[in-house]
N, C-alpha and C. Protein backbone atom coordinates (compact mmCIF):
# COMPACT_ATOMS: atom_id res chain seq x y z
N UNK A 1 -0.60 21.29 9.80
CA UNK A 1 0.55 20.39 9.63
C UNK A 1 0.85 20.22 8.13
N UNK A 2 2.11 20.37 7.77
CA UNK A 2 2.49 20.11 6.39
C UNK A 2 2.32 18.62 6.09
N UNK A 3 2.30 18.28 4.81
CA UNK A 3 2.01 16.90 4.42
C UNK A 3 3.22 16.01 4.69
N UNK A 4 3.31 15.52 5.90
CA UNK A 4 4.44 14.68 6.29
C UNK A 4 4.24 13.26 5.76
N UNK A 5 5.35 12.57 5.55
CA UNK A 5 5.32 11.24 4.93
C UNK A 5 5.64 10.17 5.96
N UNK A 6 4.87 9.07 5.90
CA UNK A 6 4.96 8.01 6.90
C UNK A 6 5.51 6.74 6.27
N UNK A 7 6.42 6.07 6.97
CA UNK A 7 6.83 4.71 6.66
C UNK A 7 6.10 3.79 7.62
N UNK A 8 5.28 2.88 7.06
CA UNK A 8 4.50 1.94 7.87
C UNK A 8 4.86 0.52 7.46
N UNK A 9 5.24 -0.30 8.43
CA UNK A 9 5.59 -1.69 8.17
C UNK A 9 4.54 -2.61 8.78
N UNK A 10 3.98 -3.49 7.95
CA UNK A 10 3.05 -4.52 8.40
C UNK A 10 3.77 -5.87 8.47
N UNK A 11 3.07 -6.86 8.98
CA UNK A 11 3.71 -8.16 9.24
C UNK A 11 3.54 -9.14 8.08
N UNK A 12 3.74 -8.65 6.84
CA UNK A 12 3.77 -9.55 5.70
C UNK A 12 5.22 -9.89 5.36
N UNK A 13 5.50 -10.04 4.07
CA UNK A 13 6.87 -10.31 3.65
C UNK A 13 7.73 -9.08 3.88
N UNK A 14 8.78 -9.23 4.65
CA UNK A 14 9.63 -8.09 4.99
C UNK A 14 10.48 -7.67 3.80
N UNK A 15 10.86 -6.41 3.72
CA UNK A 15 11.74 -5.96 2.64
C UNK A 15 13.08 -6.71 2.65
N UNK A 16 13.50 -7.17 1.48
CA UNK A 16 14.81 -7.81 1.36
C UNK A 16 15.92 -6.77 1.54
N UNK A 17 15.72 -5.64 0.91
CA UNK A 17 16.66 -4.53 1.03
C UNK A 17 16.06 -3.49 1.97
N UNK A 18 16.81 -3.10 2.96
CA UNK A 18 16.30 -2.12 3.92
C UNK A 18 15.95 -0.82 3.20
N UNK A 19 14.72 -0.37 3.31
CA UNK A 19 14.31 0.86 2.61
C UNK A 19 15.10 2.08 3.09
N UNK A 20 15.23 3.04 2.19
CA UNK A 20 15.83 4.32 2.55
C UNK A 20 14.81 5.11 3.36
N UNK A 21 15.09 5.33 4.61
CA UNK A 21 14.13 5.97 5.50
C UNK A 21 14.36 7.47 5.64
N UNK A 22 15.32 8.01 4.89
CA UNK A 22 15.68 9.41 5.07
C UNK A 22 14.57 10.37 4.63
N UNK A 23 13.67 9.90 3.77
CA UNK A 23 12.61 10.77 3.25
C UNK A 23 11.33 10.73 4.09
N UNK A 24 11.37 10.00 5.20
CA UNK A 24 10.16 9.84 6.01
C UNK A 24 10.24 10.68 7.28
N UNK A 25 9.10 11.24 7.66
CA UNK A 25 9.01 12.04 8.87
C UNK A 25 8.66 11.20 10.09
N UNK A 26 8.07 10.03 9.87
CA UNK A 26 7.70 9.17 10.98
C UNK A 26 7.82 7.71 10.53
N UNK A 27 8.26 6.86 11.45
CA UNK A 27 8.40 5.42 11.19
C UNK A 27 7.54 4.70 12.22
N UNK A 28 6.69 3.78 11.74
CA UNK A 28 5.84 3.04 12.66
C UNK A 28 5.59 1.65 12.11
N UNK A 29 5.04 0.78 12.96
CA UNK A 29 4.82 -0.60 12.57
C UNK A 29 3.75 -1.22 13.45
N UNK A 30 3.12 -2.27 12.93
CA UNK A 30 2.30 -3.11 13.78
C UNK A 30 3.22 -3.99 14.61
N UNK A 31 2.68 -4.52 15.71
CA UNK A 31 3.55 -5.24 16.65
C UNK A 31 4.22 -6.46 16.02
N UNK A 32 3.52 -7.14 15.10
CA UNK A 32 4.11 -8.32 14.47
C UNK A 32 5.29 -8.01 13.57
N UNK A 33 5.40 -6.76 13.14
CA UNK A 33 6.50 -6.35 12.26
C UNK A 33 7.67 -5.75 13.03
N UNK A 34 7.51 -5.57 14.32
CA UNK A 34 8.54 -4.89 15.11
C UNK A 34 9.87 -5.64 15.08
N UNK A 35 9.84 -6.97 15.01
CA UNK A 35 11.08 -7.75 15.04
C UNK A 35 12.00 -7.37 13.90
N UNK A 36 11.43 -7.12 12.71
CA UNK A 36 12.24 -6.71 11.56
C UNK A 36 12.96 -5.39 11.86
N UNK A 37 12.23 -4.44 12.43
CA UNK A 37 12.86 -3.16 12.75
C UNK A 37 13.97 -3.34 13.77
N UNK A 38 13.72 -4.16 14.76
CA UNK A 38 14.73 -4.40 15.80
C UNK A 38 15.98 -5.04 15.21
N UNK A 39 15.80 -6.04 14.35
CA UNK A 39 16.95 -6.73 13.74
C UNK A 39 17.76 -5.82 12.83
N UNK A 40 17.12 -4.78 12.29
CA UNK A 40 17.81 -3.87 11.38
C UNK A 40 18.15 -2.53 12.05
N UNK A 41 18.08 -2.51 13.37
CA UNK A 41 18.46 -1.33 14.15
C UNK A 41 17.70 -0.08 13.72
N UNK A 42 16.40 -0.27 13.46
CA UNK A 42 15.53 0.85 13.10
C UNK A 42 14.62 1.14 14.28
N UNK A 43 14.68 2.35 14.79
CA UNK A 43 13.85 2.72 15.93
C UNK A 43 12.60 3.44 15.43
N UNK A 44 11.43 2.84 15.61
CA UNK A 44 10.20 3.50 15.16
C UNK A 44 9.74 4.57 16.13
N UNK A 45 8.89 5.45 15.64
CA UNK A 45 8.28 6.44 16.53
C UNK A 45 7.24 5.80 17.43
N UNK A 46 6.54 4.79 16.90
CA UNK A 46 5.61 4.03 17.72
C UNK A 46 5.29 2.70 17.04
N UNK A 47 4.79 1.76 17.81
CA UNK A 47 4.23 0.52 17.28
C UNK A 47 2.87 0.32 17.94
N UNK A 48 1.99 -0.39 17.22
CA UNK A 48 0.65 -0.62 17.76
C UNK A 48 0.23 -2.05 17.53
N UNK A 49 -0.77 -2.49 18.29
CA UNK A 49 -1.29 -3.85 18.16
C UNK A 49 -1.76 -4.35 19.51
N UNK A 50 -2.08 -5.64 19.57
CA UNK A 50 -2.50 -6.20 20.85
C UNK A 50 -1.32 -6.77 21.65
N UNK A 51 -0.15 -6.91 20.98
CA UNK A 51 1.11 -7.30 21.61
C UNK A 51 1.09 -8.71 22.21
N UNK A 52 0.17 -9.53 21.74
CA UNK A 52 0.14 -10.92 22.21
C UNK A 52 1.31 -11.72 21.66
N UNK A 53 1.86 -11.29 20.51
CA UNK A 53 2.90 -12.08 19.84
C UNK A 53 4.31 -11.68 20.26
N UNK A 54 4.46 -10.62 21.03
CA UNK A 54 5.79 -10.17 21.44
C UNK A 54 6.14 -10.72 22.81
N UNK A 55 7.31 -11.35 22.90
CA UNK A 55 7.77 -11.86 24.19
C UNK A 55 8.18 -10.74 25.14
N UNK A 56 8.72 -9.69 24.53
CA UNK A 56 9.19 -8.56 25.34
C UNK A 56 8.75 -7.27 24.68
N UNK A 57 7.99 -6.46 25.40
CA UNK A 57 7.50 -5.19 24.87
C UNK A 57 8.57 -4.12 25.10
N UNK A 58 9.04 -3.46 24.03
CA UNK A 58 10.09 -2.46 24.22
C UNK A 58 9.59 -1.29 25.06
N UNK A 59 10.49 -0.74 25.88
CA UNK A 59 10.11 0.37 26.76
C UNK A 59 10.77 1.69 26.37
N UNK A 60 11.42 1.71 25.19
CA UNK A 60 12.09 2.94 24.76
C UNK A 60 11.35 3.64 23.62
N UNK A 61 10.22 3.08 23.20
CA UNK A 61 9.43 3.69 22.13
C UNK A 61 7.97 3.73 22.57
N UNK A 62 7.19 4.55 21.88
CA UNK A 62 5.77 4.67 22.22
C UNK A 62 5.03 3.40 21.84
N UNK A 63 4.23 2.89 22.76
CA UNK A 63 3.42 1.70 22.56
C UNK A 63 1.95 2.11 22.57
N UNK A 64 1.22 1.74 21.52
CA UNK A 64 -0.21 2.04 21.46
C UNK A 64 -0.95 0.71 21.35
N UNK A 65 -1.61 0.31 22.42
CA UNK A 65 -2.31 -0.96 22.42
C UNK A 65 -3.69 -0.80 21.78
N UNK A 66 -4.00 -1.73 20.85
CA UNK A 66 -5.27 -1.69 20.12
C UNK A 66 -5.90 -3.07 20.18
N UNK A 67 -6.55 -3.41 21.27
CA UNK A 67 -7.06 -4.77 21.45
C UNK A 67 -8.34 -5.09 20.69
N UNK A 68 -9.01 -4.10 20.11
CA UNK A 68 -10.30 -4.32 19.45
C UNK A 68 -10.16 -5.29 18.28
N UNK A 69 -10.77 -6.46 18.40
CA UNK A 69 -10.65 -7.49 17.38
C UNK A 69 -11.64 -7.32 16.23
N UNK A 70 -12.45 -6.28 16.27
CA UNK A 70 -13.39 -6.02 15.18
C UNK A 70 -12.70 -5.39 13.97
N UNK A 71 -11.45 -4.95 14.16
CA UNK A 71 -10.70 -4.32 13.08
C UNK A 71 -9.33 -4.98 12.98
N UNK A 72 -8.74 -4.92 11.77
CA UNK A 72 -7.41 -5.48 11.58
C UNK A 72 -6.36 -4.52 12.15
N UNK A 73 -5.17 -5.04 12.38
CA UNK A 73 -4.08 -4.19 12.86
C UNK A 73 -3.79 -3.07 11.87
N UNK A 74 -3.91 -3.37 10.58
CA UNK A 74 -3.66 -2.36 9.55
C UNK A 74 -4.68 -1.23 9.68
N UNK A 75 -5.95 -1.58 9.78
CA UNK A 75 -6.99 -0.57 9.90
C UNK A 75 -6.79 0.27 11.16
N UNK A 76 -6.43 -0.39 12.25
CA UNK A 76 -6.27 0.34 13.51
C UNK A 76 -5.09 1.29 13.48
N UNK A 77 -3.99 0.90 12.84
CA UNK A 77 -2.84 1.82 12.81
C UNK A 77 -3.08 2.96 11.83
N UNK A 78 -3.88 2.71 10.78
CA UNK A 78 -4.26 3.81 9.90
C UNK A 78 -5.12 4.83 10.65
N UNK A 79 -6.00 4.34 11.50
CA UNK A 79 -6.82 5.26 12.30
C UNK A 79 -5.94 6.10 13.21
N UNK A 80 -4.93 5.48 13.81
CA UNK A 80 -4.00 6.22 14.67
C UNK A 80 -3.29 7.31 13.89
N UNK A 81 -2.79 6.95 12.71
CA UNK A 81 -2.07 7.93 11.89
C UNK A 81 -2.98 9.06 11.43
N UNK A 82 -4.21 8.71 11.05
CA UNK A 82 -5.18 9.73 10.64
C UNK A 82 -5.46 10.68 11.80
N UNK A 83 -5.66 10.11 12.99
CA UNK A 83 -5.93 10.95 14.16
C UNK A 83 -4.75 11.86 14.50
N UNK A 84 -3.54 11.41 14.18
CA UNK A 84 -2.34 12.22 14.42
C UNK A 84 -2.12 13.26 13.32
N UNK A 85 -2.92 13.20 12.25
CA UNK A 85 -2.84 14.19 11.19
C UNK A 85 -2.02 13.81 9.99
N UNK A 86 -1.61 12.54 9.91
CA UNK A 86 -0.80 12.10 8.77
C UNK A 86 -1.71 11.59 7.65
N UNK A 87 -1.35 11.91 6.41
CA UNK A 87 -2.20 11.55 5.28
C UNK A 87 -1.47 10.75 4.19
N UNK A 88 -0.16 10.93 4.07
CA UNK A 88 0.62 10.28 3.01
C UNK A 88 1.43 9.15 3.63
N UNK A 89 1.09 7.90 3.25
CA UNK A 89 1.65 6.74 3.94
C UNK A 89 2.16 5.73 2.93
N UNK A 90 3.43 5.38 3.04
CA UNK A 90 4.02 4.28 2.25
C UNK A 90 3.97 3.02 3.11
N UNK A 91 3.32 1.99 2.58
CA UNK A 91 3.07 0.78 3.34
C UNK A 91 3.95 -0.35 2.82
N UNK A 92 4.74 -0.94 3.70
CA UNK A 92 5.58 -2.08 3.38
C UNK A 92 5.06 -3.30 4.14
N UNK A 93 5.27 -4.48 3.57
CA UNK A 93 4.87 -5.70 4.25
C UNK A 93 3.38 -5.98 4.22
N UNK A 94 2.68 -5.44 3.22
CA UNK A 94 1.24 -5.68 3.12
C UNK A 94 0.91 -6.95 2.36
N UNK A 95 1.88 -7.49 1.62
CA UNK A 95 1.65 -8.71 0.83
C UNK A 95 2.66 -9.78 1.26
N UNK A 96 2.52 -10.95 0.68
CA UNK A 96 3.36 -12.07 1.08
C UNK A 96 2.79 -12.78 2.29
N UNK A 97 3.39 -13.89 2.64
CA UNK A 97 2.90 -14.72 3.75
C UNK A 97 1.46 -15.13 3.49
N UNK A 98 0.54 -14.84 4.41
CA UNK A 98 -0.83 -15.30 4.28
C UNK A 98 -1.61 -14.38 3.35
N UNK A 99 -2.09 -14.93 2.23
CA UNK A 99 -2.67 -14.11 1.20
C UNK A 99 -4.04 -13.55 1.55
N UNK A 100 -4.73 -14.15 2.52
CA UNK A 100 -5.98 -13.54 2.95
C UNK A 100 -5.72 -12.18 3.60
N UNK A 101 -4.55 -12.04 4.26
CA UNK A 101 -4.18 -10.74 4.82
C UNK A 101 -3.97 -9.73 3.70
N UNK A 102 -3.32 -10.16 2.62
CA UNK A 102 -3.08 -9.26 1.49
C UNK A 102 -4.39 -8.74 0.92
N UNK A 103 -5.34 -9.64 0.67
CA UNK A 103 -6.64 -9.20 0.14
C UNK A 103 -7.36 -8.32 1.14
N UNK A 104 -7.24 -8.65 2.41
CA UNK A 104 -7.84 -7.80 3.43
C UNK A 104 -7.23 -6.41 3.45
N UNK A 105 -5.93 -6.32 3.19
CA UNK A 105 -5.27 -5.02 3.15
C UNK A 105 -5.74 -4.19 1.97
N UNK A 106 -6.02 -4.83 0.83
CA UNK A 106 -6.59 -4.10 -0.30
C UNK A 106 -7.97 -3.58 0.05
N UNK A 107 -8.75 -4.40 0.72
CA UNK A 107 -10.07 -4.00 1.18
C UNK A 107 -9.96 -2.77 2.09
N UNK A 108 -9.01 -2.79 3.01
CA UNK A 108 -8.82 -1.66 3.92
C UNK A 108 -8.41 -0.41 3.16
N UNK A 109 -7.57 -0.56 2.13
CA UNK A 109 -7.15 0.59 1.32
C UNK A 109 -8.35 1.28 0.69
N UNK A 110 -9.31 0.50 0.21
CA UNK A 110 -10.50 1.09 -0.39
C UNK A 110 -11.31 1.84 0.66
N UNK A 111 -11.40 1.30 1.85
CA UNK A 111 -12.16 1.96 2.91
C UNK A 111 -11.57 3.31 3.28
N UNK A 112 -10.25 3.45 3.15
CA UNK A 112 -9.58 4.69 3.55
C UNK A 112 -9.26 5.62 2.38
N UNK A 113 -9.72 5.29 1.18
CA UNK A 113 -9.25 6.01 -0.01
C UNK A 113 -9.60 7.50 0.00
N UNK A 114 -10.69 7.89 0.66
CA UNK A 114 -11.07 9.30 0.67
C UNK A 114 -10.29 10.11 1.70
N UNK A 115 -9.62 9.42 2.63
CA UNK A 115 -8.96 10.12 3.73
C UNK A 115 -7.45 10.06 3.68
N UNK A 116 -6.90 8.99 3.07
CA UNK A 116 -5.45 8.78 3.10
C UNK A 116 -4.91 8.52 1.71
N UNK A 117 -3.66 8.88 1.51
CA UNK A 117 -2.95 8.58 0.27
C UNK A 117 -1.99 7.43 0.55
N UNK A 118 -2.39 6.21 0.16
CA UNK A 118 -1.62 5.00 0.46
C UNK A 118 -0.92 4.49 -0.78
N UNK A 119 0.37 4.21 -0.65
CA UNK A 119 1.14 3.52 -1.69
C UNK A 119 1.80 2.32 -1.05
N UNK A 120 1.65 1.15 -1.68
CA UNK A 120 2.18 -0.09 -1.14
C UNK A 120 3.46 -0.47 -1.88
N UNK A 121 4.42 -1.02 -1.13
CA UNK A 121 5.69 -1.47 -1.71
C UNK A 121 5.97 -2.89 -1.25
N UNK A 122 6.42 -3.74 -2.19
CA UNK A 122 6.93 -5.06 -1.81
C UNK A 122 8.25 -5.29 -2.51
N UNK A 123 8.74 -6.50 -2.51
CA UNK A 123 10.06 -6.77 -3.08
C UNK A 123 10.06 -6.87 -4.60
N UNK A 124 8.90 -6.70 -5.22
CA UNK A 124 8.80 -6.83 -6.67
C UNK A 124 8.16 -5.61 -7.33
N UNK A 125 7.37 -4.86 -6.61
CA UNK A 125 6.58 -3.81 -7.25
C UNK A 125 6.12 -2.79 -6.23
N UNK A 126 5.50 -1.74 -6.77
CA UNK A 126 4.67 -0.88 -5.91
C UNK A 126 3.28 -0.84 -6.52
N UNK A 127 2.29 -0.58 -5.69
CA UNK A 127 0.91 -0.59 -6.17
C UNK A 127 0.07 0.35 -5.33
N UNK A 128 -1.04 0.78 -5.92
CA UNK A 128 -1.87 1.78 -5.26
C UNK A 128 -3.26 1.76 -5.87
N UNK A 129 -4.19 2.35 -5.15
CA UNK A 129 -5.56 2.50 -5.63
C UNK A 129 -5.62 3.75 -6.48
N UNK A 130 -6.00 3.58 -7.74
CA UNK A 130 -5.93 4.69 -8.70
C UNK A 130 -7.02 5.72 -8.47
N UNK A 131 -6.70 6.98 -8.73
CA UNK A 131 -7.71 8.01 -8.86
C UNK A 131 -8.42 7.83 -10.20
N UNK A 132 -9.50 8.56 -10.39
CA UNK A 132 -10.22 8.46 -11.66
C UNK A 132 -9.34 8.91 -12.84
N UNK A 133 -8.38 9.77 -12.56
CA UNK A 133 -7.38 10.16 -13.55
C UNK A 133 -6.01 10.06 -12.90
N UNK A 134 -5.17 9.19 -13.44
CA UNK A 134 -3.88 8.89 -12.81
C UNK A 134 -2.76 8.95 -13.85
N UNK A 135 -1.67 9.57 -13.49
CA UNK A 135 -0.46 9.56 -14.31
C UNK A 135 0.68 8.93 -13.52
N UNK A 136 1.47 8.10 -14.21
CA UNK A 136 2.61 7.45 -13.57
C UNK A 136 3.87 7.80 -14.37
N UNK A 137 4.82 8.52 -13.76
CA UNK A 137 6.05 8.89 -14.47
C UNK A 137 7.13 7.83 -14.31
N UNK A 138 8.16 7.95 -15.12
CA UNK A 138 9.39 7.17 -14.97
C UNK A 138 9.14 5.66 -14.94
N UNK A 139 8.34 5.17 -15.88
CA UNK A 139 8.01 3.75 -15.82
C UNK A 139 8.17 3.03 -17.16
N UNK A 140 8.88 3.63 -18.11
CA UNK A 140 9.07 2.97 -19.40
C UNK A 140 9.72 1.60 -19.22
N UNK A 141 9.16 0.61 -19.91
CA UNK A 141 9.59 -0.79 -19.90
C UNK A 141 9.18 -1.55 -18.63
N UNK A 142 8.54 -0.88 -17.70
CA UNK A 142 8.01 -1.59 -16.54
C UNK A 142 6.74 -2.36 -16.92
N UNK A 143 6.50 -3.45 -16.21
CA UNK A 143 5.27 -4.21 -16.37
C UNK A 143 4.19 -3.55 -15.53
N UNK A 144 3.06 -3.26 -16.16
CA UNK A 144 1.95 -2.57 -15.50
C UNK A 144 0.73 -3.49 -15.51
N UNK A 145 0.11 -3.66 -14.36
CA UNK A 145 -1.11 -4.46 -14.27
C UNK A 145 -2.23 -3.61 -13.69
N UNK A 146 -3.41 -3.74 -14.30
CA UNK A 146 -4.61 -3.03 -13.84
C UNK A 146 -5.59 -4.06 -13.30
N UNK A 147 -5.86 -4.00 -12.00
CA UNK A 147 -6.70 -5.00 -11.35
C UNK A 147 -7.94 -4.32 -10.78
N UNK A 148 -9.13 -4.60 -11.35
CA UNK A 148 -10.35 -4.02 -10.80
C UNK A 148 -10.71 -4.71 -9.49
N UNK A 149 -11.42 -3.97 -8.61
CA UNK A 149 -11.73 -4.55 -7.30
C UNK A 149 -13.15 -4.16 -6.88
N UNK A 150 -14.20 -4.76 -7.43
CA UNK A 150 -14.16 -5.84 -8.42
C UNK A 150 -14.38 -5.36 -9.85
N UNK A 151 -14.68 -4.04 -10.04
CA UNK A 151 -15.05 -3.57 -11.37
C UNK A 151 -14.60 -2.13 -11.55
N UNK A 152 -14.14 -1.81 -12.77
CA UNK A 152 -13.86 -0.43 -13.16
C UNK A 152 -14.33 -0.25 -14.60
N UNK A 153 -15.00 0.85 -14.88
CA UNK A 153 -15.65 1.02 -16.18
C UNK A 153 -15.05 2.16 -16.98
N UNK A 154 -15.20 2.03 -18.31
CA UNK A 154 -14.76 3.05 -19.27
C UNK A 154 -13.31 3.47 -19.04
N UNK A 155 -12.44 2.47 -19.03
CA UNK A 155 -11.02 2.72 -18.81
C UNK A 155 -10.35 3.13 -20.11
N UNK A 156 -9.52 4.17 -20.03
CA UNK A 156 -8.69 4.59 -21.15
C UNK A 156 -7.24 4.68 -20.68
N UNK A 157 -6.33 4.20 -21.51
CA UNK A 157 -4.92 4.26 -21.15
C UNK A 157 -4.12 4.89 -22.29
N UNK A 158 -3.04 5.57 -21.94
CA UNK A 158 -2.07 6.10 -22.90
C UNK A 158 -0.67 5.72 -22.42
N UNK A 159 0.14 5.21 -23.33
CA UNK A 159 1.52 4.87 -22.99
C UNK A 159 1.75 3.41 -22.69
N UNK A 160 0.70 2.59 -22.80
CA UNK A 160 0.85 1.15 -22.60
C UNK A 160 0.89 0.42 -23.93
N UNK A 161 1.57 -0.71 -23.97
CA UNK A 161 1.68 -1.49 -25.20
C UNK A 161 0.31 -1.92 -25.72
N UNK A 162 -0.56 -2.33 -24.81
CA UNK A 162 -1.91 -2.74 -25.17
C UNK A 162 -2.88 -1.75 -24.54
N UNK A 163 -3.43 -0.88 -25.37
CA UNK A 163 -4.26 0.21 -24.87
C UNK A 163 -5.66 -0.27 -24.54
N UNK A 164 -6.27 0.41 -23.60
CA UNK A 164 -7.70 0.24 -23.32
C UNK A 164 -8.41 1.51 -23.77
N UNK A 165 -9.50 1.33 -24.50
CA UNK A 165 -10.25 2.46 -25.03
C UNK A 165 -11.72 2.33 -24.64
N UNK A 166 -12.09 3.04 -23.58
CA UNK A 166 -13.47 2.99 -23.06
C UNK A 166 -13.90 1.56 -22.77
N UNK A 167 -13.02 0.81 -22.11
CA UNK A 167 -13.29 -0.61 -21.84
C UNK A 167 -13.44 -0.85 -20.35
N UNK A 168 -14.19 -1.91 -20.02
CA UNK A 168 -14.43 -2.28 -18.63
C UNK A 168 -13.53 -3.44 -18.23
N UNK A 169 -13.12 -3.44 -16.98
CA UNK A 169 -12.45 -4.59 -16.38
C UNK A 169 -13.28 -5.06 -15.20
N UNK A 170 -13.50 -6.37 -15.14
CA UNK A 170 -14.33 -6.97 -14.09
C UNK A 170 -13.62 -8.20 -13.56
N UNK A 171 -13.36 -8.21 -12.26
CA UNK A 171 -12.68 -9.34 -11.66
C UNK A 171 -13.53 -10.60 -11.84
N UNK A 172 -12.91 -11.64 -12.35
CA UNK A 172 -13.63 -12.87 -12.66
C UNK A 172 -14.02 -12.98 -14.11
N UNK A 173 -13.96 -11.86 -14.85
CA UNK A 173 -14.26 -11.85 -16.28
C UNK A 173 -13.06 -11.39 -17.10
N UNK A 174 -12.54 -10.23 -16.75
CA UNK A 174 -11.40 -9.68 -17.50
C UNK A 174 -10.62 -8.74 -16.61
N UNK A 175 -9.30 -8.95 -16.52
CA UNK A 175 -8.43 -8.03 -15.80
C UNK A 175 -7.26 -7.67 -16.72
N UNK A 176 -6.47 -6.70 -16.31
CA UNK A 176 -5.42 -6.18 -17.19
C UNK A 176 -4.03 -6.45 -16.68
N UNK A 177 -3.64 -7.71 -16.63
CA UNK A 177 -2.32 -8.05 -16.10
C UNK A 177 -1.24 -8.03 -17.17
N UNK A 178 -0.01 -7.75 -16.73
CA UNK A 178 1.22 -7.93 -17.51
C UNK A 178 1.25 -7.09 -18.79
N UNK A 179 0.74 -5.88 -18.72
CA UNK A 179 0.91 -4.94 -19.81
C UNK A 179 2.31 -4.32 -19.67
N UNK A 180 2.70 -3.50 -20.63
CA UNK A 180 4.05 -2.93 -20.60
C UNK A 180 3.99 -1.44 -20.92
N UNK A 181 4.73 -0.66 -20.16
CA UNK A 181 4.82 0.78 -20.42
C UNK A 181 5.79 1.02 -21.57
N UNK A 182 5.29 1.63 -22.64
CA UNK A 182 6.14 1.94 -23.80
C UNK A 182 6.57 3.41 -23.80
N UNK A 183 5.97 4.20 -22.92
CA UNK A 183 6.36 5.59 -22.73
C UNK A 183 6.85 5.78 -21.31
N UNK A 184 7.58 6.85 -21.09
CA UNK A 184 8.06 7.13 -19.74
C UNK A 184 6.92 7.58 -18.82
N UNK A 185 5.91 8.22 -19.42
CA UNK A 185 4.74 8.67 -18.67
C UNK A 185 3.51 7.96 -19.22
N UNK A 186 2.77 7.30 -18.34
CA UNK A 186 1.53 6.68 -18.77
C UNK A 186 0.36 7.35 -18.06
N UNK A 187 -0.80 7.34 -18.73
CA UNK A 187 -2.01 7.95 -18.19
C UNK A 187 -3.13 6.92 -18.20
N UNK A 188 -3.90 6.91 -17.13
CA UNK A 188 -5.01 5.98 -17.00
C UNK A 188 -6.20 6.74 -16.44
N UNK A 189 -7.34 6.64 -17.11
CA UNK A 189 -8.57 7.23 -16.61
C UNK A 189 -9.67 6.18 -16.61
N UNK A 190 -10.63 6.34 -15.71
CA UNK A 190 -11.81 5.49 -15.72
C UNK A 190 -12.95 6.27 -15.06
N UNK A 191 -14.17 5.74 -15.18
CA UNK A 191 -15.33 6.48 -14.70
C UNK A 191 -15.83 6.01 -13.35
N UNK A 192 -16.11 4.71 -13.22
CA UNK A 192 -16.76 4.20 -12.02
C UNK A 192 -16.04 2.95 -11.55
N UNK A 193 -15.96 2.77 -10.23
CA UNK A 193 -15.40 1.54 -9.68
C UNK A 193 -14.11 1.78 -8.91
N UNK A 194 -13.40 0.68 -8.69
CA UNK A 194 -12.12 0.71 -7.98
C UNK A 194 -11.08 -0.02 -8.81
N UNK A 195 -9.90 0.58 -8.94
CA UNK A 195 -8.86 0.02 -9.80
C UNK A 195 -7.51 0.13 -9.11
N UNK A 196 -6.87 -1.02 -8.88
CA UNK A 196 -5.52 -1.05 -8.37
C UNK A 196 -4.54 -1.11 -9.54
N UNK A 197 -3.48 -0.32 -9.43
CA UNK A 197 -2.41 -0.33 -10.43
C UNK A 197 -1.15 -0.89 -9.79
N UNK A 198 -0.58 -1.92 -10.42
CA UNK A 198 0.66 -2.52 -9.96
C UNK A 198 1.76 -2.17 -10.96
N UNK A 199 2.88 -1.69 -10.46
CA UNK A 199 4.04 -1.35 -11.29
C UNK A 199 5.18 -2.23 -10.86
N UNK A 200 5.53 -3.21 -11.69
CA UNK A 200 6.63 -4.11 -11.38
C UNK A 200 7.94 -3.50 -11.85
N UNK A 201 8.89 -3.43 -10.94
CA UNK A 201 10.16 -2.76 -11.25
C UNK A 201 11.27 -3.76 -11.50
């Protein structure tokens, strides 16, 4: 299978502006997010969840019930997509509303980092779990934040207003919020740990 791209909607803060779906090969959502798709006349390829929150289960799209409460809806739908052979997933609605869900979604992203390429989008930014060597194009004048989860070591950056040179970031001690891209292309490397990069647009 060629590397097809997935649009996945979770039940966090819904997009204010309806995303351009023309670049996606598949559209899916957790059951709590289905209402947004319905209101915007977007027909998903499938939705998954325990469906306790839906008054009426649609019968014109594929329904995948995932009642196992040991895993979050996000984790379960990622497993479905992985089993279907999809690897590149743009995730909307992962933040906003209840913030424990947001932190849980970051936790899930780390668990899947070796198997899936996840990029998150909200109404203010996009963010992702960085590789040990990461380049971000087309971001001059954007606000860039580097958030360790919980630690990233020997970080080096190029193209940011405030550079890091073999420095560590540790959640609870030092994080890298509200930096600014002074070049169109920025580069970030680190050695050990987990590092989320937020790009505010």
